[in-house]
């Protein structure tokens, strides 16, 4: 991420290793969805991402499992601001909902397209720690907040 980029900063920290494991599990669940054509993995991801997006990671099974794996493998913590990851979880939740809606309307091509984009983002997070949401946020912030701020002045 660029040092001068605008990020959703919050007062909490998260271990980046946990976020990367979460990304790996997301890829696994998306792969199961594609292979089995079952919506259950996407329902699970939607609930799990909702927990993390709502700043309630203690109820996220993937977060808890990732946290245990970090401990089990004795991976040195790399604490980062949780804000960008909460924003990413909100985008992940939106993707899961988009997949569910597409699937419900029997638009499997669209559902698989959303799953592919979601999977690429999760894979990049898991493999190299690259958070696409962290790159998108500054542009979204400028569109949503700066333009309304400028109108009020």
N, C-alpha and C. Protein backbone atom coordinates (compact mmCIF):
# COMPACT_ATOMS: atom_id res chain seq x y z
N UNK A 1 0.84 -1.17 0.00
CA UNK A 1 0.00 0.00 0.00
C UNK A 1 0.88 1.24 0.00
N UNK A 2 0.44 2.25 -0.67
CA UNK A 2 1.19 3.50 -0.73
C UNK A 2 1.17 4.19 0.63
N UNK A 3 2.28 4.74 1.07
CA UNK A 3 2.31 5.38 2.39
C UNK A 3 1.41 6.60 2.49
N UNK A 4 1.12 7.26 1.37
CA UNK A 4 0.29 8.45 1.43
C UNK A 4 -1.17 8.15 1.14
N UNK A 5 -1.51 6.87 0.99
CA UNK A 5 -2.88 6.49 0.69
C UNK A 5 -3.76 6.68 1.93
N UNK A 6 -5.01 6.95 1.70
CA UNK A 6 -5.98 7.12 2.77
C UNK A 6 -6.51 5.73 3.13
N UNK A 7 -6.47 5.38 4.40
CA UNK A 7 -6.95 4.08 4.84
C UNK A 7 -8.02 4.26 5.91
N UNK A 8 -8.91 3.26 6.02
CA UNK A 8 -9.87 3.32 7.13
C UNK A 8 -9.14 2.94 8.41
N UNK A 9 -8.66 3.92 9.12
CA UNK A 9 -7.88 3.68 10.33
C UNK A 9 -8.83 3.50 11.50
N UNK A 10 -8.53 2.52 12.33
CA UNK A 10 -9.31 2.31 13.54
C UNK A 10 -8.36 2.08 14.70
N UNK A 11 -8.92 1.92 15.88
CA UNK A 11 -8.10 1.79 17.07
C UNK A 11 -7.67 0.35 17.37
N UNK A 12 -8.06 -0.60 16.53
CA UNK A 12 -7.70 -2.00 16.75
C UNK A 12 -6.58 -2.42 15.81
N UNK A 13 -5.87 -3.46 16.22
CA UNK A 13 -4.83 -4.07 15.40
C UNK A 13 -5.22 -5.51 15.11
N UNK A 14 -4.68 -6.05 14.04
CA UNK A 14 -4.89 -7.45 13.67
C UNK A 14 -3.56 -8.01 13.19
N UNK A 15 -3.36 -9.29 13.43
CA UNK A 15 -2.17 -9.96 12.93
C UNK A 15 -2.39 -10.24 11.44
N UNK A 16 -1.52 -9.70 10.61
CA UNK A 16 -1.66 -9.89 9.16
C UNK A 16 -1.62 -11.37 8.78
N UNK A 17 -0.93 -12.18 9.55
CA UNK A 17 -0.88 -13.62 9.27
C UNK A 17 -2.26 -14.25 9.37
N UNK A 18 -3.06 -13.78 10.32
CA UNK A 18 -4.43 -14.28 10.44
C UNK A 18 -5.23 -13.91 9.20
N UNK A 19 -5.08 -12.69 8.74
CA UNK A 19 -5.78 -12.25 7.53
C UNK A 19 -5.38 -13.09 6.32
N UNK A 20 -4.11 -13.45 6.26
CA UNK A 20 -3.65 -14.26 5.13
C UNK A 20 -4.21 -15.68 5.19
N UNK A 21 -4.29 -16.25 6.39
CA UNK A 21 -4.94 -17.56 6.52
C UNK A 21 -6.42 -17.46 6.17
N UNK A 22 -7.08 -16.37 6.60
CA UNK A 22 -8.48 -16.16 6.23
C UNK A 22 -8.64 -16.16 4.71
N UNK A 23 -7.71 -15.51 4.02
CA UNK A 23 -7.73 -15.49 2.56
C UNK A 23 -7.60 -16.89 1.98
N UNK A 24 -6.71 -17.69 2.54
CA UNK A 24 -6.52 -19.07 2.06
C UNK A 24 -7.79 -19.89 2.27
N UNK A 25 -8.42 -19.75 3.43
CA UNK A 25 -9.66 -20.49 3.67
C UNK A 25 -10.77 -20.02 2.74
N UNK A 26 -10.79 -18.75 2.42
CA UNK A 26 -11.79 -18.23 1.49
C UNK A 26 -11.61 -18.87 0.12
N UNK A 27 -10.36 -18.98 -0.33
CA UNK A 27 -10.09 -19.64 -1.61
C UNK A 27 -10.58 -21.09 -1.57
N UNK A 28 -10.33 -21.78 -0.48
CA UNK A 28 -10.76 -23.18 -0.34
C UNK A 28 -12.29 -23.27 -0.44
N UNK A 29 -13.00 -22.41 0.29
CA UNK A 29 -14.46 -22.46 0.26
C UNK A 29 -15.02 -22.10 -1.12
N UNK A 30 -14.40 -21.13 -1.78
CA UNK A 30 -14.85 -20.79 -3.14
C UNK A 30 -14.60 -21.93 -4.11
N UNK A 31 -13.48 -22.62 -3.93
CA UNK A 31 -13.17 -23.78 -4.78
C UNK A 31 -14.19 -24.89 -4.56
N UNK A 32 -14.56 -25.14 -3.31
CA UNK A 32 -15.58 -26.14 -3.00
C UNK A 32 -16.90 -25.77 -3.66
N UNK A 33 -17.25 -24.49 -3.62
CA UNK A 33 -18.47 -24.02 -4.27
C UNK A 33 -18.45 -24.33 -5.77
N UNK A 34 -17.35 -24.02 -6.42
CA UNK A 34 -17.26 -24.23 -7.87
C UNK A 34 -17.29 -25.72 -8.21
N UNK A 35 -16.58 -26.53 -7.44
CA UNK A 35 -16.51 -27.97 -7.73
C UNK A 35 -17.84 -28.67 -7.47
N UNK A 36 -18.49 -28.34 -6.34
CA UNK A 36 -19.71 -29.05 -5.95
C UNK A 36 -20.99 -28.39 -6.44
N UNK A 37 -20.91 -27.14 -6.86
CA UNK A 37 -22.09 -26.37 -7.26
C UNK A 37 -23.08 -26.26 -6.10
N UNK A 38 -22.55 -26.32 -4.87
CA UNK A 38 -23.36 -26.18 -3.67
C UNK A 38 -23.22 -24.76 -3.13
N UNK A 39 -24.32 -24.20 -2.72
CA UNK A 39 -24.33 -22.83 -2.21
C UNK A 39 -23.91 -22.78 -0.74
N UNK A 40 -23.83 -23.91 -0.07
CA UNK A 40 -23.51 -23.94 1.37
C UNK A 40 -22.18 -23.27 1.69
N UNK A 41 -21.09 -23.51 0.94
CA UNK A 41 -19.84 -22.80 1.26
C UNK A 41 -19.98 -21.28 1.16
N UNK A 42 -20.81 -20.80 0.25
CA UNK A 42 -21.00 -19.36 0.10
C UNK A 42 -21.83 -18.81 1.25
N UNK A 43 -22.83 -19.57 1.70
CA UNK A 43 -23.60 -19.16 2.87
C UNK A 43 -22.68 -19.04 4.09
N UNK A 44 -21.80 -20.02 4.24
CA UNK A 44 -20.85 -19.99 5.35
C UNK A 44 -19.96 -18.75 5.24
N UNK A 45 -19.42 -18.49 4.04
CA UNK A 45 -18.56 -17.31 3.85
C UNK A 45 -19.31 -16.01 4.12
N UNK A 46 -20.56 -15.95 3.70
CA UNK A 46 -21.35 -14.73 3.93
C UNK A 46 -21.48 -14.44 5.43
N UNK A 47 -21.82 -15.47 6.20
CA UNK A 47 -21.96 -15.28 7.65
C UNK A 47 -20.61 -14.95 8.27
N UNK A 48 -19.56 -15.65 7.86
CA UNK A 48 -18.24 -15.42 8.42
C UNK A 48 -17.73 -14.01 8.11
N UNK A 49 -17.89 -13.58 6.87
CA UNK A 49 -17.47 -12.22 6.50
C UNK A 49 -18.33 -11.17 7.20
N UNK A 50 -19.59 -11.45 7.41
CA UNK A 50 -20.45 -10.52 8.14
C UNK A 50 -19.92 -10.32 9.56
N UNK A 51 -19.49 -11.38 10.20
CA UNK A 51 -18.94 -11.27 11.55
C UNK A 51 -17.70 -10.37 11.56
N UNK A 52 -16.81 -10.60 10.60
CA UNK A 52 -15.59 -9.78 10.55
C UNK A 52 -15.90 -8.35 10.10
N UNK A 53 -16.84 -8.19 9.19
CA UNK A 53 -17.21 -6.85 8.71
C UNK A 53 -17.90 -6.04 9.81
N UNK A 54 -18.54 -6.73 10.74
CA UNK A 54 -19.23 -6.08 11.86
C UNK A 54 -18.33 -5.88 13.06
N UNK A 55 -17.04 -6.11 12.86
CA UNK A 55 -16.04 -5.97 13.93
C UNK A 55 -16.32 -6.93 15.08
N UNK A 56 -16.79 -8.14 14.73
CA UNK A 56 -17.04 -9.19 15.71
C UNK A 56 -16.25 -10.45 15.34
N UNK A 57 -14.92 -10.34 15.19
CA UNK A 57 -14.16 -11.50 14.73
C UNK A 57 -14.22 -12.69 15.70
N UNK A 58 -14.54 -12.44 16.96
CA UNK A 58 -14.61 -13.53 17.92
C UNK A 58 -15.72 -14.53 17.57
N UNK A 59 -16.64 -14.17 16.67
CA UNK A 59 -17.70 -15.06 16.22
C UNK A 59 -17.43 -15.63 14.83
N UNK A 60 -16.30 -15.29 14.25
CA UNK A 60 -15.93 -15.77 12.92
C UNK A 60 -15.14 -17.07 13.07
N UNK A 61 -15.69 -18.15 12.55
CA UNK A 61 -15.00 -19.44 12.66
C UNK A 61 -13.68 -19.43 11.91
N UNK A 62 -13.63 -18.77 10.76
CA UNK A 62 -12.38 -18.73 10.01
C UNK A 62 -11.32 -17.92 10.75
N UNK A 63 -11.73 -16.83 11.38
CA UNK A 63 -10.79 -16.04 12.17
C UNK A 63 -10.24 -16.87 13.32
N UNK A 64 -11.11 -17.57 14.02
CA UNK A 64 -10.68 -18.38 15.17
C UNK A 64 -9.75 -19.51 14.72
N UNK A 65 -10.08 -20.15 13.62
CA UNK A 65 -9.23 -21.22 13.10
C UNK A 65 -7.89 -20.66 12.64
N UNK A 66 -7.91 -19.54 11.95
CA UNK A 66 -6.66 -18.90 11.49
C UNK A 66 -5.79 -18.50 12.67
N UNK A 67 -6.42 -17.98 13.70
CA UNK A 67 -5.69 -17.57 14.91
C UNK A 67 -5.01 -18.78 15.55
N UNK A 68 -5.71 -19.91 15.59
CA UNK A 68 -5.13 -21.14 16.16
C UNK A 68 -3.97 -21.66 15.31
N UNK A 69 -4.09 -21.56 14.00
CA UNK A 69 -3.01 -22.01 13.12
C UNK A 69 -1.77 -21.15 13.28
N UNK A 70 -1.95 -19.85 13.44
CA UNK A 70 -0.82 -18.96 13.67
C UNK A 70 -0.10 -19.37 14.96
N UNK A 71 -0.89 -19.66 15.99
CA UNK A 71 -0.29 -20.13 17.25
C UNK A 71 0.39 -21.48 17.09
N UNK A 72 -0.29 -22.42 16.42
CA UNK A 72 0.24 -23.77 16.24
C UNK A 72 1.58 -23.77 15.51
N UNK A 73 1.67 -22.97 14.48
CA UNK A 73 2.91 -22.90 13.70
C UNK A 73 3.90 -21.89 14.25
N UNK A 74 3.55 -21.26 15.38
CA UNK A 74 4.42 -20.28 16.05
C UNK A 74 4.92 -19.20 15.09
N UNK A 75 3.98 -18.66 14.31
CA UNK A 75 4.32 -17.61 13.37
C UNK A 75 4.40 -16.29 14.12
N UNK A 76 5.48 -15.59 13.91
CA UNK A 76 5.69 -14.31 14.58
C UNK A 76 4.61 -13.32 14.15
N UNK A 77 3.93 -12.68 15.10
CA UNK A 77 2.85 -11.74 14.76
C UNK A 77 3.37 -10.54 13.96
N UNK A 78 2.55 -10.11 13.03
CA UNK A 78 2.82 -8.89 12.27
C UNK A 78 1.56 -8.03 12.39
N UNK A 79 1.52 -7.22 13.44
CA UNK A 79 0.34 -6.42 13.71
C UNK A 79 0.21 -5.25 12.75
N UNK A 80 -1.00 -5.12 12.21
CA UNK A 80 -1.34 -4.03 11.30
C UNK A 80 -2.66 -3.44 11.75
N UNK A 81 -3.00 -2.28 11.24
CA UNK A 81 -4.27 -1.67 11.56
C UNK A 81 -5.40 -2.54 11.03
N UNK A 82 -6.43 -2.74 11.84
CA UNK A 82 -7.55 -3.60 11.45
C UNK A 82 -8.52 -2.91 10.49
N UNK A 83 -8.46 -1.59 10.41
CA UNK A 83 -9.40 -0.85 9.55
C UNK A 83 -9.48 -1.33 8.12
N UNK A 84 -8.34 -1.44 7.42
CA UNK A 84 -8.41 -1.91 6.03
C UNK A 84 -8.97 -3.33 5.91
N UNK A 85 -8.70 -4.16 6.91
CA UNK A 85 -9.21 -5.54 6.86
C UNK A 85 -10.71 -5.58 7.12
N UNK A 86 -11.22 -4.67 7.94
CA UNK A 86 -12.67 -4.58 8.14
C UNK A 86 -13.33 -4.14 6.84
N UNK A 87 -12.74 -3.15 6.18
CA UNK A 87 -13.24 -2.71 4.88
C UNK A 87 -13.21 -3.86 3.87
N UNK A 88 -12.13 -4.62 3.86
CA UNK A 88 -12.02 -5.78 2.96
C UNK A 88 -13.08 -6.83 3.29
N UNK A 89 -13.35 -7.03 4.58
CA UNK A 89 -14.39 -7.99 4.98
C UNK A 89 -15.76 -7.54 4.48
N UNK A 90 -15.99 -6.24 4.47
CA UNK A 90 -17.27 -5.72 3.95
C UNK A 90 -17.39 -5.98 2.46
N UNK A 91 -16.29 -5.82 1.75
CA UNK A 91 -16.30 -6.13 0.32
C UNK A 91 -16.50 -7.63 0.11
N UNK A 92 -15.82 -8.45 0.93
CA UNK A 92 -16.00 -9.90 0.85
C UNK A 92 -17.44 -10.30 1.11
N UNK A 93 -18.06 -9.68 2.10
CA UNK A 93 -19.47 -9.95 2.38
C UNK A 93 -20.33 -9.58 1.17
N UNK A 94 -20.05 -8.44 0.55
CA UNK A 94 -20.81 -8.02 -0.63
C UNK A 94 -20.64 -9.02 -1.78
N UNK A 95 -19.42 -9.53 -1.96
CA UNK A 95 -19.21 -10.53 -3.00
C UNK A 95 -19.98 -11.81 -2.70
N UNK A 96 -19.98 -12.25 -1.44
CA UNK A 96 -20.72 -13.46 -1.07
C UNK A 96 -22.21 -13.26 -1.34
N UNK A 97 -22.74 -12.10 -1.00
CA UNK A 97 -24.15 -11.82 -1.25
C UNK A 97 -24.44 -11.78 -2.75
N UNK A 98 -23.53 -11.18 -3.51
CA UNK A 98 -23.71 -11.13 -4.98
C UNK A 98 -23.73 -12.54 -5.56
N UNK A 99 -22.87 -13.42 -5.05
CA UNK A 99 -22.86 -14.81 -5.52
C UNK A 99 -24.18 -15.48 -5.16
N UNK A 100 -24.64 -15.29 -3.93
CA UNK A 100 -25.90 -15.90 -3.50
C UNK A 100 -27.08 -15.42 -4.35
N UNK A 101 -27.15 -14.13 -4.60
CA UNK A 101 -28.25 -13.58 -5.41
C UNK A 101 -28.18 -14.11 -6.84
N UNK A 102 -26.98 -14.11 -7.41
CA UNK A 102 -26.82 -14.62 -8.78
C UNK A 102 -27.23 -16.08 -8.86
N UNK A 103 -26.82 -16.84 -7.88
CA UNK A 103 -27.14 -18.27 -7.85
C UNK A 103 -28.64 -18.47 -7.67
N UNK A 104 -29.27 -17.66 -6.82
CA UNK A 104 -30.71 -17.77 -6.59
C UNK A 104 -31.51 -17.49 -7.86
N UNK A 105 -31.00 -16.58 -8.69
CA UNK A 105 -31.67 -16.26 -9.95
C UNK A 105 -31.17 -17.13 -11.11
N UNK A 106 -30.48 -18.20 -10.75
CA UNK A 106 -29.99 -19.20 -11.71
C UNK A 106 -29.07 -18.61 -12.77
N UNK A 107 -28.35 -17.59 -12.40
CA UNK A 107 -27.34 -17.01 -13.28
C UNK A 107 -25.98 -17.55 -12.83
N UNK A 108 -25.73 -18.81 -13.18
CA UNK A 108 -24.51 -19.46 -12.70
C UNK A 108 -23.26 -18.79 -13.28
N UNK A 109 -23.33 -18.32 -14.51
CA UNK A 109 -22.17 -17.65 -15.09
C UNK A 109 -21.79 -16.43 -14.26
N UNK A 110 -22.79 -15.64 -13.88
CA UNK A 110 -22.54 -14.46 -13.07
C UNK A 110 -22.03 -14.85 -11.68
N UNK A 111 -22.63 -15.88 -11.10
CA UNK A 111 -22.20 -16.35 -9.77
C UNK A 111 -20.74 -16.81 -9.82
N UNK A 112 -20.39 -17.56 -10.84
CA UNK A 112 -19.00 -18.03 -10.97
C UNK A 112 -18.04 -16.88 -11.30
N UNK A 113 -18.54 -15.88 -12.01
CA UNK A 113 -17.70 -14.71 -12.30
C UNK A 113 -17.38 -13.95 -11.01
N UNK A 114 -18.41 -13.74 -10.18
CA UNK A 114 -18.17 -13.11 -8.88
C UNK A 114 -17.23 -13.96 -8.03
N UNK A 115 -17.44 -15.27 -8.06
CA UNK A 115 -16.58 -16.17 -7.28
C UNK A 115 -15.14 -16.11 -7.76
N UNK A 116 -14.93 -15.98 -9.07
CA UNK A 116 -13.58 -15.90 -9.62
C UNK A 116 -12.88 -14.62 -9.16
N UNK A 117 -13.59 -13.50 -9.24
CA UNK A 117 -13.00 -12.22 -8.81
C UNK A 117 -12.70 -12.27 -7.31
N UNK A 118 -13.66 -12.76 -6.54
CA UNK A 118 -13.50 -12.91 -5.10
C UNK A 118 -12.30 -13.82 -4.79
N UNK A 119 -12.21 -14.91 -5.52
CA UNK A 119 -11.11 -15.87 -5.32
C UNK A 119 -9.75 -15.29 -5.64
N UNK A 120 -9.67 -14.51 -6.70
CA UNK A 120 -8.40 -13.87 -7.06
C UNK A 120 -7.97 -12.91 -5.95
N UNK A 121 -8.91 -12.12 -5.45
CA UNK A 121 -8.59 -11.18 -4.36
C UNK A 121 -8.13 -11.94 -3.12
N UNK A 122 -8.84 -12.99 -2.77
CA UNK A 122 -8.47 -13.79 -1.58
C UNK A 122 -7.13 -14.48 -1.78
N UNK A 123 -6.88 -14.96 -2.98
CA UNK A 123 -5.60 -15.62 -3.26
C UNK A 123 -4.43 -14.64 -3.13
N UNK A 124 -4.61 -13.44 -3.65
CA UNK A 124 -3.55 -12.43 -3.54
C UNK A 124 -3.26 -12.10 -2.08
N UNK A 125 -4.30 -12.01 -1.27
CA UNK A 125 -4.12 -11.77 0.16
C UNK A 125 -3.36 -12.93 0.80
N UNK A 126 -3.79 -14.14 0.50
CA UNK A 126 -3.18 -15.32 1.12
C UNK A 126 -1.74 -15.53 0.66
N UNK A 127 -1.49 -15.38 -0.63
CA UNK A 127 -0.18 -15.72 -1.18
C UNK A 127 0.89 -14.66 -0.93
N UNK A 128 0.53 -13.41 -1.15
CA UNK A 128 1.57 -12.37 -1.05
C UNK A 128 1.19 -11.20 -0.15
N UNK A 129 0.06 -11.31 0.55
CA UNK A 129 -0.35 -10.24 1.46
C UNK A 129 -0.78 -8.97 0.76
N UNK A 130 -1.23 -9.08 -0.49
CA UNK A 130 -1.67 -7.91 -1.25
C UNK A 130 -3.18 -7.77 -1.09
N UNK A 131 -3.61 -6.69 -0.47
CA UNK A 131 -5.02 -6.44 -0.20
C UNK A 131 -5.58 -5.47 -1.24
N UNK A 132 -6.38 -5.99 -2.14
CA UNK A 132 -6.95 -5.15 -3.19
C UNK A 132 -7.88 -4.10 -2.60
N UNK A 133 -8.61 -4.46 -1.54
CA UNK A 133 -9.51 -3.50 -0.89
C UNK A 133 -8.74 -2.29 -0.37
N UNK A 134 -7.52 -2.53 0.11
CA UNK A 134 -6.70 -1.42 0.62
C UNK A 134 -6.28 -0.48 -0.51
N UNK A 135 -6.20 -1.00 -1.71
CA UNK A 135 -5.87 -0.18 -2.87
C UNK A 135 -7.09 0.56 -3.41
N UNK A 136 -8.27 -0.04 -3.25
CA UNK A 136 -9.52 0.55 -3.75
C UNK A 136 -10.01 1.66 -2.82
N UNK A 137 -9.82 1.48 -1.52
CA UNK A 137 -10.40 2.39 -0.54
C UNK A 137 -10.08 3.87 -0.77
N UNK A 138 -8.84 4.24 -1.06
CA UNK A 138 -8.57 5.67 -1.25
C UNK A 138 -9.42 6.31 -2.35
N UNK A 139 -9.66 5.57 -3.42
CA UNK A 139 -10.47 6.10 -4.51
C UNK A 139 -11.94 6.21 -4.09
N UNK A 140 -12.42 5.20 -3.41
CA UNK A 140 -13.79 5.22 -2.90
C UNK A 140 -13.98 6.36 -1.91
N UNK A 141 -13.00 6.55 -1.05
CA UNK A 141 -13.06 7.63 -0.07
C UNK A 141 -13.16 8.98 -0.77
N UNK A 142 -12.34 9.16 -1.79
CA UNK A 142 -12.37 10.44 -2.52
C UNK A 142 -13.73 10.68 -3.17
N UNK A 143 -14.30 9.63 -3.73
CA UNK A 143 -15.59 9.76 -4.40
C UNK A 143 -16.70 10.04 -3.40
N UNK A 144 -16.74 9.29 -2.31
CA UNK A 144 -17.84 9.39 -1.35
C UNK A 144 -17.72 10.53 -0.36
N UNK A 145 -16.52 10.74 0.15
CA UNK A 145 -16.37 11.67 1.26
C UNK A 145 -15.80 13.03 0.86
N UNK A 146 -14.79 13.05 0.02
CA UNK A 146 -14.21 14.33 -0.35
C UNK A 146 -15.19 15.16 -1.17
N UNK A 147 -15.91 14.51 -2.07
CA UNK A 147 -16.84 15.28 -2.90
C UNK A 147 -17.96 15.86 -2.03
N UNK A 148 -18.45 15.10 -1.03
CA UNK A 148 -19.49 15.66 -0.16
C UNK A 148 -18.91 16.73 0.76
N UNK A 149 -17.64 16.58 1.17
CA UNK A 149 -16.98 17.58 1.98
C UNK A 149 -16.82 18.87 1.18
N UNK A 150 -16.42 18.76 -0.08
CA UNK A 150 -16.23 19.93 -0.93
C UNK A 150 -17.55 20.65 -1.18
N UNK A 151 -18.65 19.90 -1.29
CA UNK A 151 -19.95 20.52 -1.53
C UNK A 151 -20.42 21.30 -0.31
N UNK A 152 -20.04 20.84 0.89
CA UNK A 152 -20.45 21.52 2.12
C UNK A 152 -19.65 22.78 2.40
N UNK A 153 -18.54 22.97 1.72
CA UNK A 153 -17.71 24.16 1.95
C UNK A 153 -17.97 25.25 0.95
